[in-house]
């Protein structure tokens, strides 16, 4: 998690400001450098009494106790991206915070990028790269909602149709366990025929770092998991944000509000794991298409957003190079540990 997210969580834990308010009532997180606003429905389940995740309260309390006793925190982030939040989080942790990321940038070769996050090794790299090579730079949307992200079929169809209506080439990752019902809908609806030559569907695992690093990719429709967020940041790719659960609404705020390198589809509430079918359709195709347009087109604002994403990506590269902030933080961390020995 980022320092921004960890500071949000810390301040919520300390103030309990979310208690006693309705799910849809907005509130401002106290003691943040910027005005950061959420509703209770957007908070991780452990903050929501009555949710299935509230049963984890005991685990959360043990984690909080361990955090208090911990010597420090090692963060997969980099200082230039969230400087004010690193500074404030260090105050909370007595200075013992080391940002050493983005860790995904340790993968320098294509083989490592393909294998990252997978043990399968069965992905057809040549097919994917050939398809991407045939596209104009910055023209393709990559849509993937993470390894744990699940959508009801009705919501998945809204996603697919939103991509179709965007009129941009796209790569859409389909869950292996949803393959049968998804393929049935695609055949019956005519989606594949209508988007033939413009859309590439990948079933199961996809080599995300490899795809995001390809020059044809112009936008990433993401669930805002922290690894995925950092991978997009590292590649200089702006994001279409669709948080689903856990701390993902916090990550969305960092991307859309603080860094201004993304546009939200307008998700309003956490979808608890295992309860996706109950959620039904919460984001419509026109909202998805609108967010895509802000990132891929969007006039002057869109151009500035894409420019900022590339600038933050360059900062990420510099951070992990010799003498960069993350490289120096690793040295400082080692020195600190050696002094304890």
Protein backbone atom coordinates (compact mmCIF):
# COMPACT_ATOMS: atom_id res chain seq x y z
CA UNK A 1 0.00 0.00 0.00
CA UNK A 2 1.04 3.59 -0.62
CA UNK A 3 1.92 6.02 2.16
CA UNK A 4 -1.23 7.93 1.15
CA UNK A 5 -3.42 4.88 1.79
CA UNK A 6 -1.66 3.91 5.01
CA UNK A 7 -2.02 7.46 6.32
CA UNK A 8 -5.74 7.41 5.46
CA UNK A 9 -6.20 4.12 7.30
CA UNK A 10 -4.18 5.32 10.31
CA UNK A 11 -6.22 8.52 10.62
CA UNK A 12 -9.49 6.62 10.31
CA UNK A 13 -8.39 4.17 12.99
CA UNK A 14 -7.35 6.98 15.33
CA UNK A 15 -10.44 9.17 14.90
CA UNK A 16 -13.20 6.61 14.12
CA UNK A 17 -14.89 9.46 12.24
CA UNK A 18 -16.79 6.98 10.05
CA UNK A 19 -18.71 5.53 13.00
CA UNK A 20 -22.35 6.47 13.42
CA UNK A 21 -22.90 7.82 9.90
CA UNK A 22 -24.95 6.37 7.06
CA UNK A 23 -23.27 4.46 4.23
CA UNK A 24 -23.87 7.19 1.68
CA UNK A 25 -22.90 10.19 3.82
CA UNK A 26 -19.63 11.83 2.71
CA UNK A 27 -17.00 12.68 5.31
CA UNK A 28 -13.49 14.16 5.20
CA UNK A 29 -10.55 12.09 6.47
CA UNK A 30 -8.92 14.16 9.25
CA UNK A 31 -5.30 15.32 9.31
CA UNK A 32 -4.49 14.84 5.62
CA UNK A 33 -2.47 17.33 3.50
CA UNK A 34 -5.41 17.54 1.05
CA UNK A 35 -9.18 17.38 1.46
CA UNK A 36 -9.85 13.65 1.03
CA UNK A 37 -13.50 12.67 1.07
CA UNK A 38 -15.16 9.24 1.17
CA UNK A 39 -18.48 7.68 2.05
CA UNK A 40 -18.54 4.78 4.51
CA UNK A 41 -19.69 2.51 1.67
CA UNK A 42 -16.31 3.07 -0.01
CA UNK A 43 -14.24 1.98 2.98
CA UNK A 44 -12.72 -1.50 3.32
CA UNK A 45 -15.12 -4.00 4.86
CA UNK A 46 -13.33 -4.06 8.21
CA UNK A 47 -14.53 -0.47 8.74
CA UNK A 48 -18.16 -1.40 7.99
CA UNK A 49 -20.17 -3.05 10.79
CA UNK A 50 -22.64 -5.51 9.30
CA UNK A 51 -20.55 -6.36 6.24
CA UNK A 52 -19.18 -9.87 5.77
CA UNK A 53 -15.68 -8.46 6.24
CA UNK A 54 -16.54 -6.98 9.63
CA UNK A 55 -15.91 -10.44 11.08
CA UNK A 56 -12.23 -9.69 10.53
CA UNK A 57 -12.28 -7.05 13.26
CA UNK A 58 -10.16 -9.24 15.54
CA UNK A 59 -7.55 -9.71 12.82
CA UNK A 60 -7.53 -5.96 12.16
CA UNK A 61 -6.94 -5.25 15.84
CA UNK A 62 -4.01 -7.69 15.91
CA UNK A 63 -2.56 -6.05 12.80
CA UNK A 64 -2.92 -2.63 14.43
CA UNK A 65 -1.14 -3.89 17.55
CA UNK A 66 1.68 -5.35 15.44
CA UNK A 67 2.03 -2.04 13.59
CA UNK A 68 2.43 -0.19 16.87
CA UNK A 69 5.21 -2.56 17.94
CA UNK A 70 6.94 -2.62 14.54
CA UNK A 71 10.30 -0.90 14.18
CA UNK A 72 9.33 0.67 10.86
CA UNK A 73 7.52 0.26 7.56
CA UNK A 74 8.94 -0.70 4.15
CA UNK A 75 6.69 0.66 1.39
CA UNK A 76 6.41 -0.35 -2.26
CA UNK A 77 6.21 3.24 -3.47
CA UNK A 78 8.60 6.09 -4.28
CA UNK A 79 9.01 9.45 -2.63
CA UNK A 80 8.60 11.69 -5.67
CA UNK A 81 5.08 10.36 -6.34
CA UNK A 82 3.58 11.13 -2.94
CA UNK A 83 6.13 13.33 -1.20
CA UNK A 84 3.79 15.11 1.22
CA UNK A 85 2.17 11.85 2.27
CA UNK A 86 5.53 10.14 2.81
CA UNK A 87 6.47 13.11 5.02
CA UNK A 88 3.26 12.88 7.07
CA UNK A 89 3.40 9.09 7.35
CA UNK A 90 6.98 9.33 8.61
CA UNK A 91 5.73 11.63 11.39
CA UNK A 92 3.23 8.96 12.39
CA UNK A 93 5.89 6.23 12.33
CA UNK A 94 8.66 8.16 14.04
CA UNK A 95 10.64 8.58 10.84
CA UNK A 96 10.99 4.86 10.20
CA UNK A 97 9.47 4.64 6.70
CA UNK A 98 11.45 3.48 3.66
CA UNK A 99 9.98 3.78 0.15
CA UNK A 100 11.85 1.30 -2.06
CA UNK A 101 9.60 0.91 -5.13
CA UNK A 102 8.28 0.45 -7.67
CA UNK A 103 9.32 -3.19 -7.22
CA UNK A 104 7.77 -4.15 -10.58
CA UNK A 105 10.60 -2.25 -12.28
CA UNK A 106 13.04 -4.96 -11.22
CA UNK A 107 11.77 -6.90 -14.26
CA UNK A 108 14.02 -5.70 -17.08
CA UNK A 109 13.57 -8.42 -19.69
CA UNK A 110 10.43 -9.56 -21.53
CA UNK A 111 10.66 -13.09 -20.08
CA UNK A 112 10.60 -11.71 -16.54
CA UNK A 113 7.69 -9.42 -17.44
CA UNK A 114 5.75 -12.36 -18.87
CA UNK A 115 6.37 -14.56 -15.83
CA UNK A 116 5.62 -11.90 -13.19
CA UNK A 117 2.66 -13.08 -11.13
CA UNK A 118 2.27 -16.38 -13.00
CA UNK A 119 3.50 -19.93 -12.73
CA UNK A 120 1.70 -21.09 -15.86
CA UNK A 121 4.09 -19.86 -18.53
CA UNK A 122 1.51 -20.81 -21.22
CA UNK A 123 0.67 -17.33 -22.51
CA UNK A 124 1.07 -16.76 -26.26
CA UNK A 125 3.46 -13.82 -26.11
CA UNK A 126 3.96 -13.67 -29.88
CA UNK A 127 0.23 -13.37 -30.59
CA UNK A 128 -0.25 -10.57 -28.07
CA UNK A 129 2.83 -8.62 -29.13
CA UNK A 130 2.01 -9.01 -32.83
CA UNK A 131 -1.49 -7.65 -32.17
CA UNK A 132 -0.10 -4.71 -30.17
CA UNK A 133 2.59 -4.02 -32.77
CA UNK A 134 -0.16 -3.53 -35.36
CA UNK A 135 -1.72 -0.66 -33.35
CA UNK A 136 -0.89 3.03 -33.27
CA UNK A 137 1.11 4.28 -30.24
CA UNK A 138 -1.13 5.16 -27.30
CA UNK A 139 -4.31 3.90 -28.99
CA UNK A 140 -5.15 0.71 -27.03
CA UNK A 141 -7.11 0.33 -23.78
CA UNK A 142 -6.03 -2.56 -21.56
CA UNK A 143 -8.89 -3.69 -19.29
CA UNK A 144 -8.18 -6.03 -16.40
CA UNK A 145 -9.80 -6.03 -12.96
CA UNK A 146 -7.17 -8.08 -11.14
CA UNK A 147 -6.78 -11.70 -10.12
CA UNK A 148 -9.49 -11.47 -7.44
CA UNK A 149 -11.85 -9.02 -9.14
CA UNK A 150 -15.17 -10.62 -10.10
CA UNK A 151 -18.15 -9.14 -11.93
CA UNK A 152 -21.65 -10.53 -12.35
CA UNK A 153 -22.33 -11.34 -16.03
CA UNK A 154 -24.66 -8.33 -16.35
CA UNK A 155 -21.91 -6.03 -15.09
CA UNK A 156 -19.30 -7.65 -17.32
CA UNK A 157 -21.50 -7.02 -20.36
CA UNK A 158 -21.69 -3.32 -19.43
CA UNK A 159 -17.88 -3.26 -19.29
CA UNK A 160 -17.55 -4.97 -22.66
CA UNK A 161 -20.14 -2.71 -24.30
CA UNK A 162 -18.51 0.37 -22.78
CA UNK A 163 -15.23 -0.66 -24.39
CA UNK A 164 -17.03 -1.21 -27.68
CA UNK A 165 -18.68 2.21 -27.55
CA UNK A 166 -15.34 3.89 -26.86
CA UNK A 167 -14.31 3.14 -30.47
CA UNK A 168 -10.75 2.44 -29.32
CA UNK A 169 -8.84 -0.83 -29.80
CA UNK A 170 -8.84 -2.82 -26.56
CA UNK A 171 -7.52 -5.86 -24.73
CA UNK A 172 -10.06 -7.35 -22.32
CA UNK A 173 -9.07 -9.99 -19.76
CA UNK A 174 -11.80 -12.56 -18.99
CA UNK A 175 -11.77 -14.68 -15.83
CA UNK A 176 -11.13 -18.38 -16.43
CA UNK A 177 -14.03 -19.39 -14.17
CA UNK A 178 -16.36 -17.07 -16.12
CA UNK A 179 -15.20 -18.34 -19.51
CA UNK A 180 -18.24 -20.48 -20.39
CA UNK A 181 -20.96 -17.94 -19.60
CA UNK A 182 -18.91 -15.10 -21.05
CA UNK A 183 -18.30 -16.94 -24.34
CA UNK A 184 -22.03 -17.75 -24.53
CA UNK A 185 -22.93 -14.06 -24.16
CA UNK A 186 -20.27 -12.98 -26.67
CA UNK A 187 -21.65 -15.43 -29.25
CA UNK A 188 -25.32 -14.57 -28.65
CA UNK A 189 -24.82 -10.80 -28.51
CA UNK A 190 -22.54 -10.59 -31.55
CA UNK A 191 -19.95 -8.64 -29.54
CA UNK A 192 -16.97 -10.50 -30.98
CA UNK A 193 -18.13 -10.01 -34.56
CA UNK A 194 -18.80 -6.29 -34.04
CA UNK A 195 -15.37 -5.71 -32.48
CA UNK A 196 -13.47 -8.07 -34.77
CA UNK A 197 -10.01 -6.71 -35.50
CA UNK A 198 -10.39 -4.08 -32.77
CA UNK A 199 -10.64 -6.18 -29.63
CA UNK A 200 -8.41 -8.91 -28.20
CA UNK A 201 -9.85 -11.14 -25.47
CA UNK A 202 -7.47 -12.95 -23.10
CA UNK A 203 -8.89 -15.71 -20.89
CA UNK A 204 -7.24 -16.27 -17.52
CA UNK A 205 -3.88 -14.78 -16.65
CA UNK A 206 -2.31 -11.98 -18.72
CA UNK A 207 1.30 -10.67 -18.65
CA UNK A 208 0.30 -7.28 -17.33
CA UNK A 209 3.74 -5.68 -16.98
CA UNK A 210 4.62 -6.70 -20.55
CA UNK A 211 1.34 -5.35 -21.93
CA UNK A 212 1.47 -2.05 -20.03
CA UNK A 213 5.03 -1.42 -21.16
CA UNK A 214 4.09 -1.69 -24.86
CA UNK A 215 3.94 1.71 -26.63
CA UNK A 216 0.52 0.91 -28.13
CA UNK A 217 -1.13 1.03 -24.69
CA UNK A 218 -2.77 4.39 -24.04
CA UNK A 219 -4.97 3.64 -21.03
CA UNK A 220 -5.47 1.01 -18.34
CA UNK A 221 -8.95 0.19 -17.02
CA UNK A 222 -8.08 -1.10 -13.56
CA UNK A 223 -9.56 -2.14 -10.22
CA UNK A 224 -6.87 -0.02 -8.50
CA UNK A 225 -5.12 -2.85 -6.70
CA UNK A 226 -1.82 -1.40 -5.53
CA UNK A 227 0.41 -3.66 -7.64
CA UNK A 228 -1.61 -2.87 -10.77
CA UNK A 229 -1.63 0.84 -9.96
CA UNK A 230 2.15 0.94 -9.54
CA UNK A 231 2.67 -1.08 -12.72
CA UNK A 232 0.66 1.51 -14.67
CA UNK A 233 2.50 4.37 -12.97
CA UNK A 234 5.85 2.77 -13.83
CA UNK A 235 4.82 2.42 -17.48
CA UNK A 236 3.59 6.02 -17.66
CA UNK A 237 0.06 4.85 -18.54
CA UNK A 238 -3.00 6.87 -17.37
CA UNK A 239 -5.82 4.93 -15.72
CA UNK A 240 -9.56 4.45 -15.96
CA UNK A 241 -10.33 3.59 -12.33
CA UNK A 242 -12.92 1.08 -11.13
CA UNK A 243 -12.20 0.16 -7.48
CA UNK A 244 -13.92 -2.99 -6.26
CA UNK A 245 -12.89 -3.84 -2.68
CA UNK A 246 -10.26 -3.57 0.09
CA UNK A 247 -8.25 -0.31 -0.01
CA UNK A 248 -8.89 0.27 -3.72
CA UNK A 249 -11.01 3.42 -3.27
CA UNK A 250 -8.04 4.95 -1.43
CA UNK A 251 -5.78 4.09 -4.36
CA UNK A 252 -8.30 5.65 -6.73
CA UNK A 253 -8.15 8.94 -4.81
CA UNK A 254 -4.38 9.01 -5.14
CA UNK A 255 -4.56 8.38 -8.90
CA UNK A 256 -7.51 10.62 -9.79
CA UNK A 257 -7.38 13.44 -7.23
CA UNK A 258 -3.77 13.76 -6.03
CA UNK A 259 -1.77 12.73 -9.10
CA UNK A 260 -4.50 13.56 -11.65
CA UNK A 261 -3.42 10.75 -13.97
CA UNK A 262 -6.75 8.95 -14.20
CA UNK A 263 -10.52 9.22 -14.53
CA UNK A 264 -13.11 7.33 -12.49
CA UNK A 265 -15.99 5.27 -13.88
CA UNK A 266 -17.96 6.42 -10.84
CA UNK A 267 -18.08 3.33 -8.62
CA UNK A 268 -19.91 4.22 -5.40
CA UNK A 269 -19.38 1.30 -3.02
CA UNK A 270 -17.14 -1.63 -2.17
CA UNK A 271 -18.13 -4.98 -3.68
CA UNK A 272 -17.33 -7.54 -0.99
CA UNK A 273 -15.57 -10.71 -2.14
CA UNK A 274 -18.05 -13.51 -2.80
CA UNK A 275 -21.01 -11.12 -2.98
CA UNK A 276 -20.54 -9.90 -6.56
CA UNK A 277 -23.83 -11.36 -7.83
CA UNK A 278 -25.73 -9.40 -5.17
CA UNK A 279 -24.19 -6.17 -6.43
CA UNK A 280 -25.68 -6.54 -9.91
CA UNK A 281 -25.01 -3.59 -12.22
CA UNK A 282 -23.60 -0.52 -10.48
CA UNK A 283 -21.61 1.03 -13.35
CA UNK A 284 -23.24 1.56 -16.75
CA UNK A 285 -21.61 1.38 -20.17
CA UNK A 286 -22.00 5.12 -20.82
CA UNK A 287 -20.12 5.88 -17.57
CA UNK A 288 -17.32 3.55 -18.65
CA UNK A 289 -17.20 5.11 -22.12
CA UNK A 290 -17.15 8.62 -20.61
CA UNK A 291 -14.19 7.80 -18.32
CA UNK A 292 -12.32 6.19 -21.22
CA UNK A 293 -12.86 9.33 -23.29
CA UNK A 294 -11.39 11.51 -20.53
CA UNK A 295 -8.21 9.44 -20.58
CA UNK A 296 -7.87 8.57 -24.26
CA UNK A 297 -9.29 11.78 -25.77
CA UNK A 298 -10.48 14.56 -23.46
CA UNK A 299 -9.08 17.59 -25.30
CA UNK A 300 -6.58 19.72 -23.39
CA UNK A 301 -7.40 18.03 -20.05
CA UNK A 302 -6.81 14.60 -21.57
CA UNK A 303 -3.50 15.63 -23.10
CA UNK A 304 -2.34 17.08 -19.78
CA UNK A 305 -3.43 13.93 -17.95
CA UNK A 306 -1.45 11.73 -20.34
CA UNK A 307 1.54 14.07 -20.07
CA UNK A 308 1.47 13.87 -16.26
CA UNK A 309 1.28 10.07 -16.38
CA UNK A 310 4.44 9.95 -18.49
CA UNK A 311 6.19 12.40 -16.15
CA UNK A 312 5.35 10.28 -13.09
CA UNK A 313 6.56 7.21 -15.00
CA UNK A 314 9.91 8.91 -15.59
CA UNK A 315 10.12 9.74 -11.87
CA UNK A 316 9.54 6.05 -11.10
CA UNK A 317 12.40 5.01 -13.37
CA UNK A 318 14.75 7.55 -11.79
CA UNK A 319 13.77 6.45 -8.27
CA UNK A 320 15.04 2.89 -8.77
CA UNK A 321 18.22 3.82 -10.65
CA UNK A 322 21.59 4.02 -8.89
CA UNK A 323 21.47 7.08 -6.65
CA UNK A 324 17.69 7.42 -6.99
CA UNK A 325 15.44 7.91 -3.95
CA UNK A 326 14.38 4.24 -3.68
CA UNK A 327 17.94 3.02 -4.21
CA UNK A 328 19.15 5.33 -1.44
CA UNK A 329 16.32 4.23 0.85
CA UNK A 330 17.40 0.61 0.48
CA UNK A 331 20.90 1.62 1.57
CA UNK A 332 19.50 3.59 4.53
CA UNK A 333 17.32 0.64 5.53
CA UNK A 334 20.31 -1.72 5.49
CA UNK A 335 22.38 0.76 7.52
CA UNK A 336 19.56 1.09 10.05
CA UNK A 337 19.26 -2.68 10.44
CA UNK A 338 23.04 -3.07 10.77
CA UNK A 339 23.05 -0.57 13.63
CA UNK A 340 20.48 -2.71 15.44
CA UNK A 341 22.54 -5.89 15.07
